[in-house]
PDB file of N, CA and C in Angstrom:
ATOM      1  N   MET A   1      -2.817 -39.326  -2.868  1.00  0.00           N
ATOM      2  CA  MET A   1      -3.437 -38.032  -2.934  1.00  0.00           C
ATOM      3  C   MET A   1      -4.103 -37.916  -4.303  1.00  0.00           C
ATOM      4  N   SER A   2      -5.277 -37.362  -4.314  1.00  0.00           N
ATOM      5  CA  SER A   2      -5.998 -37.253  -5.581  1.00  0.00           C
ATOM      6  C   SER A   2      -5.449 -36.092  -6.408  1.00  0.00           C
ATOM      7  N   ASN A   3      -5.746 -36.115  -7.672  1.00  0.00           N
ATOM      8  CA  ASN A   3      -5.278 -35.063  -8.575  1.00  0.00           C
ATOM      9  C   ASN A   3      -5.847 -33.694  -8.188  1.00  0.00           C
ATOM     10  N   GLY A   4      -7.077 -33.662  -7.721  1.00  0.00           N
ATOM     11  CA  GLY A   4      -7.702 -32.394  -7.315  1.00  0.00           C
ATOM     12  C   GLY A   4      -6.981 -31.754  -6.149  1.00  0.00           C
ATOM     13  N   ILE A   5      -6.613 -32.570  -5.170  1.00  0.00           N
ATOM     14  CA  ILE A   5      -5.900 -32.039  -3.998  1.00  0.00           C
ATOM     15  C   ILE A   5      -4.508 -31.576  -4.392  1.00  0.00           C
ATOM     16  N   ALA A   6      -3.829 -32.345  -5.214  1.00  0.00           N
ATOM     17  CA  ALA A   6      -2.487 -31.961  -5.663  1.00  0.00           C
ATOM     18  C   ALA A   6      -2.535 -30.659  -6.452  1.00  0.00           C
ATOM     19  N   THR A   7      -3.533 -30.504  -7.301  1.00  0.00           N
ATOM     20  CA  THR A   7      -3.674 -29.271  -8.080  1.00  0.00           C
ATOM     21  C   THR A   7      -3.951 -28.089  -7.166  1.00  0.00           C
ATOM     22  N   THR A   8      -4.832 -28.270  -6.190  1.00  0.00           N
ATOM     23  CA  THR A   8      -5.159 -27.198  -5.252  1.00  0.00           C
ATOM     24  C   THR A   8      -3.927 -26.784  -4.455  1.00  0.00           C
ATOM     25  N   LEU A   9      -3.165 -27.732  -3.986  1.00  0.00           N
ATOM     26  CA  LEU A   9      -1.949 -27.410  -3.245  1.00  0.00           C
ATOM     27  C   LEU A   9      -0.921 -26.720  -4.135  1.00  0.00           C
ATOM     28  N   GLY A  10      -0.807 -27.174  -5.360  1.00  0.00           N
ATOM     29  CA  GLY A  10       0.135 -26.554  -6.295  1.00  0.00           C
ATOM     30  C   GLY A  10      -0.250 -25.122  -6.634  1.00  0.00           C
ATOM     31  N   VAL A  11      -1.544 -24.922  -6.855  1.00  0.00           N
ATOM     32  CA  VAL A  11      -2.023 -23.572  -7.163  1.00  0.00           C
ATOM     33  C   VAL A  11      -1.849 -22.661  -5.961  1.00  0.00           C
ATOM     34  N   GLY A  12      -2.049 -23.177  -4.768  1.00  0.00           N
ATOM     35  CA  GLY A  12      -1.863 -22.370  -3.561  1.00  0.00           C
ATOM     36  C   GLY A  12      -0.405 -22.097  -3.264  1.00  0.00           C
ATOM     37  N   ALA A  13       0.465 -23.025  -3.585  1.00  0.00           N
ATOM     38  CA  ALA A  13       1.893 -22.865  -3.284  1.00  0.00           C
ATOM     39  C   ALA A  13       2.575 -21.908  -4.246  1.00  0.00           C
ATOM     40  N   THR A  14       2.088 -21.827  -5.465  1.00  0.00           N
ATOM     41  CA  THR A  14       2.723 -20.965  -6.458  1.00  0.00           C
ATOM     42  C   THR A  14       2.700 -19.493  -6.052  1.00  0.00           C
ATOM     43  N   PRO A  15       1.561 -18.924  -5.644  1.00  0.00           N
ATOM     44  CA  PRO A  15       1.584 -17.514  -5.210  1.00  0.00           C
ATOM     45  C   PRO A  15       2.448 -17.292  -3.979  1.00  0.00           C
ATOM     46  N   LEU A  16       2.478 -18.273  -3.089  1.00  0.00           N
ATOM     47  CA  LEU A  16       3.330 -18.122  -1.906  1.00  0.00           C
ATOM     48  C   LEU A  16       4.798 -18.078  -2.289  1.00  0.00           C
ATOM     49  N   ALA A  17       5.199 -18.943  -3.199  1.00  0.00           N
ATOM     50  CA  ALA A  17       6.600 -18.976  -3.634  1.00  0.00           C
ATOM     51  C   ALA A  17       6.956 -17.713  -4.402  1.00  0.00           C
ATOM     52  N   SER A  18       6.061 -17.265  -5.271  1.00  0.00           N
ATOM     53  CA  SER A  18       6.366 -16.057  -6.039  1.00  0.00           C
ATOM     54  C   SER A  18       6.349 -14.830  -5.137  1.00  0.00           C
ATOM     55  N   GLY A  19       5.458 -14.817  -4.160  1.00  0.00           N
ATOM     56  CA  GLY A  19       5.442 -13.712  -3.201  1.00  0.00           C
ATOM     57  C   GLY A  19       6.690 -13.671  -2.357  1.00  0.00           C
ATOM     58  N   ARG A  20       7.211 -14.828  -2.100  1.00  0.00           N
ATOM     59  CA  ARG A  20       8.432 -14.913  -1.308  1.00  0.00           C
ATOM     60  C   ARG A  20       9.629 -14.324  -2.051  1.00  0.00           C
ATOM     61  N   THR A  21       9.647 -14.464  -3.364  1.00  0.00           N
ATOM     62  CA  THR A  21      10.749 -13.885  -4.132  1.00  0.00           C
ATOM     63  C   THR A  21      10.453 -12.445  -4.532  1.00  0.00           C
ATOM     64  N   PHE A  22       9.198 -12.098  -4.614  1.00  0.00           N
ATOM     65  CA  PHE A  22       8.820 -10.751  -5.050  1.00  0.00           C
ATOM     66  C   PHE A  22       8.862  -9.750  -3.901  1.00  0.00           C
ATOM     67  N   ALA A  23       8.626 -10.218  -2.691  1.00  0.00           N
ATOM     68  CA  ALA A  23       8.590  -9.329  -1.529  1.00  0.00           C
ATOM     69  C   ALA A  23       9.919  -8.596  -1.298  1.00  0.00           C
ATOM     70  N   PRO A  24      11.063  -9.261  -1.341  1.00  0.00           N
ATOM     71  CA  PRO A  24      12.321  -8.515  -1.159  1.00  0.00           C
ATOM     72  C   PRO A  24      12.548  -7.471  -2.254  1.00  0.00           C
ATOM     73  N   PHE A  25      12.120  -7.789  -3.470  1.00  0.00           N
ATOM     74  CA  PHE A  25      12.239  -6.815  -4.557  1.00  0.00           C
ATOM     75  C   PHE A  25      11.421  -5.559  -4.249  1.00  0.00           C
ATOM     76  N   LEU A  26      10.183  -5.757  -3.810  1.00  0.00           N
ATOM     77  CA  LEU A  26       9.336  -4.607  -3.467  1.00  0.00           C
ATOM     78  C   LEU A  26       9.914  -3.827  -2.295  1.00  0.00           C
ATOM     79  N   PHE A  27      10.440  -4.535  -1.318  1.00  0.00           N
ATOM     80  CA  PHE A  27      11.031  -3.862  -0.160  1.00  0.00           C
ATOM     81  C   PHE A  27      12.194  -2.971  -0.586  1.00  0.00           C
ATOM     82  N   ARG A  28      13.074  -3.515  -1.433  1.00  0.00           N
ATOM     83  CA  ARG A  28      14.215  -2.712  -1.907  1.00  0.00           C
ATOM     84  C   ARG A  28      13.751  -1.530  -2.735  1.00  0.00           C
ATOM     85  N   LEU A  29      12.738  -1.734  -3.552  1.00  0.00           N
ATOM     86  CA  LEU A  29      12.211  -0.654  -4.389  1.00  0.00           C
ATOM     87  C   LEU A  29      11.664   0.473  -3.531  1.00  0.00           C
ATOM     88  N   PHE A  30      10.852   0.134  -2.536  1.00  0.00           N
ATOM     89  CA  PHE A  30      10.291   1.171  -1.682  1.00  0.00           C
ATOM     90  C   PHE A  30      11.346   1.812  -0.806  1.00  0.00           C
ATOM     91  N   ALA A  31      12.359   1.074  -0.416  1.00  0.00           N
ATOM     92  CA  ALA A  31      13.450   1.664   0.374  1.00  0.00           C
ATOM     93  C   ALA A  31      14.194   2.699  -0.459  1.00  0.00           C
ATOM     94  N   ARG A  32      14.414   2.399  -1.740  1.00  0.00           N
ATOM     95  CA  ARG A  32      15.073   3.379  -2.621  1.00  0.00           C
ATOM     96  C   ARG A  32      14.199   4.600  -2.803  1.00  0.00           C
ATOM     97  N   LEU A  33      12.898   4.395  -3.003  1.00  0.00           N
ATOM     98  CA  LEU A  33      11.996   5.541  -3.164  1.00  0.00           C
ATOM     99  C   LEU A  33      11.994   6.401  -1.915  1.00  0.00           C
ATOM    100  N   GLU A  34      12.028   5.749  -0.755  1.00  0.00           N
ATOM    101  CA  GLU A  34      12.037   6.503   0.496  1.00  0.00           C
ATOM    102  C   GLU A  34      13.316   7.320   0.612  1.00  0.00           C
ATOM    103  N   ASP A  35      14.451   6.750   0.210  1.00  0.00           N
ATOM    104  CA  ASP A  35      15.713   7.495   0.236  1.00  0.00           C
ATOM    105  C   ASP A  35      15.649   8.693  -0.705  1.00  0.00           C
ATOM    106  N   LYS A  36      15.052   8.507  -1.875  1.00  0.00           N
ATOM    107  CA  LYS A  36      14.935   9.619  -2.822  1.00  0.00           C
ATOM    108  C   LYS A  36      14.044  10.721  -2.264  1.00  0.00           C
ATOM    109  N   VAL A  37      12.954  10.341  -1.636  1.00  0.00           N
ATOM    110  CA  VAL A  37      12.053  11.338  -1.055  1.00  0.00           C
ATOM    111  C   VAL A  37      12.753  12.083   0.078  1.00  0.00           C
ATOM    112  N   ASP A  38      13.506  11.368   0.895  1.00  0.00           N
ATOM    113  CA  ASP A  38      14.254  12.018   1.970  1.00  0.00           C
ATOM    114  C   ASP A  38      15.276  13.000   1.398  1.00  0.00           C
ATOM    115  N   GLY A  39      15.930  12.603   0.324  1.00  0.00           N
ATOM    116  CA  GLY A  39      16.888  13.506  -0.325  1.00  0.00           C
ATOM    117  C   GLY A  39      16.219  14.743  -0.880  1.00  0.00           C
ATOM    118  N   LEU A  40      15.071  14.570  -1.487  1.00  0.00           N
ATOM    119  CA  LEU A  40      14.330  15.723  -2.001  1.00  0.00           C
ATOM    120  C   LEU A  40      13.880  16.644  -0.873  1.00  0.00           C
ATOM    121  N   ALA A  41      13.486  16.073   0.240  1.00  0.00           N
ATOM    122  CA  ALA A  41      13.073  16.893   1.385  1.00  0.00           C
ATOM    123  C   ALA A  41      14.255  17.698   1.919  1.00  0.00           C
ATOM    124  N   ARG A  42      15.437  17.093   1.969  1.00  0.00           N
ATOM    125  CA  ARG A  42      16.630  17.829   2.411  1.00  0.00           C
ATOM    126  C   ARG A  42      16.941  18.968   1.453  1.00  0.00           C
ATOM    127  N   ASP A  43      16.848  18.695   0.145  1.00  0.00           N
ATOM    128  CA  ASP A  43      17.088  19.746  -0.844  1.00  0.00           C
ATOM    129  C   ASP A  43      16.074  20.873  -0.705  1.00  0.00           C
ATOM    130  N   HIS A  44      14.829  20.518  -0.469  1.00  0.00           N
ATOM    131  CA  HIS A  44      13.784  21.521  -0.326  1.00  0.00           C
ATOM    132  C   HIS A  44      14.053  22.418   0.883  1.00  0.00           C
ATOM    133  N   ARG A  45      14.439  21.813   2.005  1.00  0.00           N
ATOM    134  CA  ARG A  45      14.731  22.613   3.193  1.00  0.00           C
ATOM    135  C   ARG A  45      15.910  23.544   2.956  1.00  0.00           C
ATOM    136  N   ALA A  46      16.932  23.062   2.263  1.00  0.00           N
ATOM    137  CA  ALA A  46      18.108  23.897   1.989  1.00  0.00           C
ATOM    138  C   ALA A  46      17.729  25.064   1.085  1.00  0.00           C
ATOM    139  N   LEU A  47      16.942  24.797   0.057  1.00  0.00           N
ATOM    140  CA  LEU A  47      16.523  25.868  -0.843  1.00  0.00           C
ATOM    141  C   LEU A  47      15.579  26.839  -0.152  1.00  0.00           C
ATOM    142  N   ALA A  48      14.732  26.341   0.726  1.00  0.00           N
ATOM    143  CA  ALA A  48      13.806  27.217   1.443  1.00  0.00           C
ATOM    144  C   ALA A  48      14.566  28.199   2.326  1.00  0.00           C
ATOM    145  N   ARG A  49      15.704  27.790   2.847  1.00  0.00           N
ATOM    146  CA  ARG A  49      16.517  28.702   3.657  1.00  0.00           C
ATOM    147  C   ARG A  49      17.204  29.756   2.795  1.00  0.00           C
ATOM    148  N   GLU A  50      17.589  29.379   1.572  1.00  0.00           N
ATOM    149  CA  GLU A  50      18.310  30.306   0.710  1.00  0.00           C
ATOM    150  C   GLU A  50      17.390  31.273  -0.028  1.00  0.00           C
ATOM    151  N   PHE A  51      16.138  30.934  -0.196  1.00  0.00           N
ATOM    152  CA  PHE A  51      15.241  31.765  -0.997  1.00  0.00           C
ATOM    153  C   PHE A  51      15.047  33.173  -0.416  1.00  0.00           C
ATOM    154  N   PRO A  52      14.818  33.348   0.889  1.00  0.00           N
ATOM    155  CA  PRO A  52      14.678  34.724   1.395  1.00  0.00           C
ATOM    156  C   PRO A  52      15.924  35.575   1.159  1.00  0.00           C
ATOM    157  N   GLU A  53      17.080  34.957   1.263  1.00  0.00           N
ATOM    158  CA  GLU A  53      18.322  35.694   1.001  1.00  0.00           C
ATOM    159  C   GLU A  53      18.391  36.134  -0.466  1.00  0.00           C
ATOM    160  N   PHE A  54      18.021  35.236  -1.368  1.00  0.00           N
ATOM    161  CA  PHE A  54      18.004  35.564  -2.793  1.00  0.00           C
ATOM    162  C   PHE A  54      16.994  36.671  -3.083  1.00  0.00           C
ATOM    163  N   ARG A  55      15.829  36.591  -2.472  1.00  0.00           N
ATOM    164  CA  ARG A  55      14.800  37.606  -2.690  1.00  0.00           C
ATOM    165  C   ARG A  55      15.291  38.978  -2.231  1.00  0.00           C
ATOM    166  N   GLY A  56      15.954  39.020  -1.077  1.00  0.00           N
ATOM    167  CA  GLY A  56      16.493  40.286  -0.588  1.00  0.00           C
ATOM    168  C   GLY A  56      17.560  40.844  -1.513  1.00  0.00           C
ATOM    169  N   GLU A  57      18.391  39.972  -2.046  1.00  0.00           N
ATOM    170  CA  GLU A  57      19.430  40.435  -2.968  1.00  0.00           C
ATOM    171  C   GLU A  57      18.822  40.992  -4.253  1.00  0.00           C
ATOM    172  N   VAL A  58      17.811  40.345  -4.776  1.00  0.00           N
ATOM    173  CA  VAL A  58      17.153  40.830  -5.992  1.00  0.00           C
ATOM    174  C   VAL A  58      16.495  42.175  -5.729  1.00  0.00           C
ATOM    175  N   ARG A  59      15.823  42.316  -4.604  1.00  0.00           N
ATOM    176  CA  ARG A  59      15.186  43.596  -4.274  1.00  0.00           C
ATOM    177  C   ARG A  59      16.220  44.717  -4.164  1.00  0.00           C
ATOM    178  N   ALA A  60      17.361  44.397  -3.557  1.00  0.00           N
ATOM    179  CA  ALA A  60      18.406  45.416  -3.424  1.00  0.00           C
ATOM    180  C   ALA A  60      18.939  45.831  -4.791  1.00  0.00           C
ATOM    181  N   ARG A  61      19.132  44.885  -5.671  1.00  0.00           N
ATOM    182  CA  ARG A  61      19.638  45.224  -7.002  1.00  0.00           C
ATOM    183  C   ARG A  61      18.608  45.982  -7.821  1.00  0.00           C
ATOM    184  N   LEU A  62      17.336  45.621  -7.677  1.00  0.00           N
ATOM    185  CA  LEU A  62      16.296  46.341  -8.414  1.00  0.00           C
ATOM    186  C   LEU A  62      16.133  47.761  -7.901  1.00  0.00           C
ATOM    187  N   SER A  63      16.328  47.976  -6.618  1.00  0.00           N
ATOM    188  CA  SER A  63      16.201  49.325  -6.080  1.00  0.00           C
ATOM    189  C   SER A  63      17.366  50.215  -6.531  1.00  0.00           C
ATOM    190  N   ASP A  64      18.479  49.611  -6.930  1.00  0.00           N
ATOM    191  CA  ASP A  64      19.630  50.384  -7.424  1.00  0.00           C
ATOM    192  C   ASP A  64      19.441  50.860  -8.860  1.00  0.00           C
ATOM    193  N   LEU A  65      18.483  50.278  -9.578  1.00  0.00           N
ATOM    194  CA  LEU A  65      18.270  50.684 -10.963  1.00  0.00           C
ATOM    195  C   LEU A  65      17.623  52.063 -11.020  1.00  0.00           C
ATOM    196  N   PRO A  66      18.003  52.866 -12.043  1.00  0.00           N
ATOM    197  CA  PRO A  66      17.358  54.175 -12.170  1.00  0.00           C
ATOM    198  C   PRO A  66      15.889  53.992 -12.536  1.00  0.00           C
ATOM    199  N   THR A  67      15.061  54.841 -11.978  1.00  0.00           N
ATOM    200  CA  THR A  67      13.626  54.745 -12.268  1.00  0.00           C
ATOM    201  C   THR A  67      13.312  55.623 -13.469  1.00  0.00           C
ATOM    202  N   ARG A  68      12.442  55.123 -14.318  1.00  0.00           N
ATOM    203  CA  ARG A  68      11.980  55.874 -15.481  1.00  0.00           C
ATOM    204  C   ARG A  68      10.474  55.949 -15.425  1.00  0.00           C
ATOM    205  N   SER A  69       9.970  56.952 -16.024  1.00  0.00           N
ATOM    206  CA  SER A  69       8.524  57.121 -16.059  1.00  0.00           C
ATOM    207  C   SER A  69       7.967  56.176 -17.120  1.00  0.00           C
ATOM    208  N   ALA A  70       6.907  55.497 -16.788  1.00  0.00           N
ATOM    209  CA  ALA A  70       6.280  54.589 -17.744  1.00  0.00           C
ATOM    210  C   ALA A  70       5.436  55.375 -18.759  1.00  0.00           C
ATOM    211  N   VAL A  71       5.038  56.588 -18.398  1.00  0.00           N
ATOM    212  CA  VAL A  71       4.205  57.417 -19.279  1.00  0.00           C
ATOM    213  C   VAL A  71       5.090  58.440 -19.951  1.00  0.00           C
ATOM    214  N   ARG A  72       4.999  58.555 -21.290  1.00  0.00           N
ATOM    215  CA  ARG A  72       5.836  59.533 -22.017  1.00  0.00           C
ATOM    216  C   ARG A  72       5.020  60.688 -22.475  1.00  0.00           C
TER     217      ARG A  72
END
């Protein structure tokens, strides 16, 4: 085999080998990111359910405060 062919095969094999080891790393990284996004979505849904209740409680407490005239 000539040196040119050996070099071409070596250069072509290197990205394949590195991609083979890098691909599982990327897969795990994106799987973790997906889990984090799913967790954030669950937190968002839970907070979205609690927010109207909190708003109602704040309105009730504010309505209990004595009213004062802003103009003296």
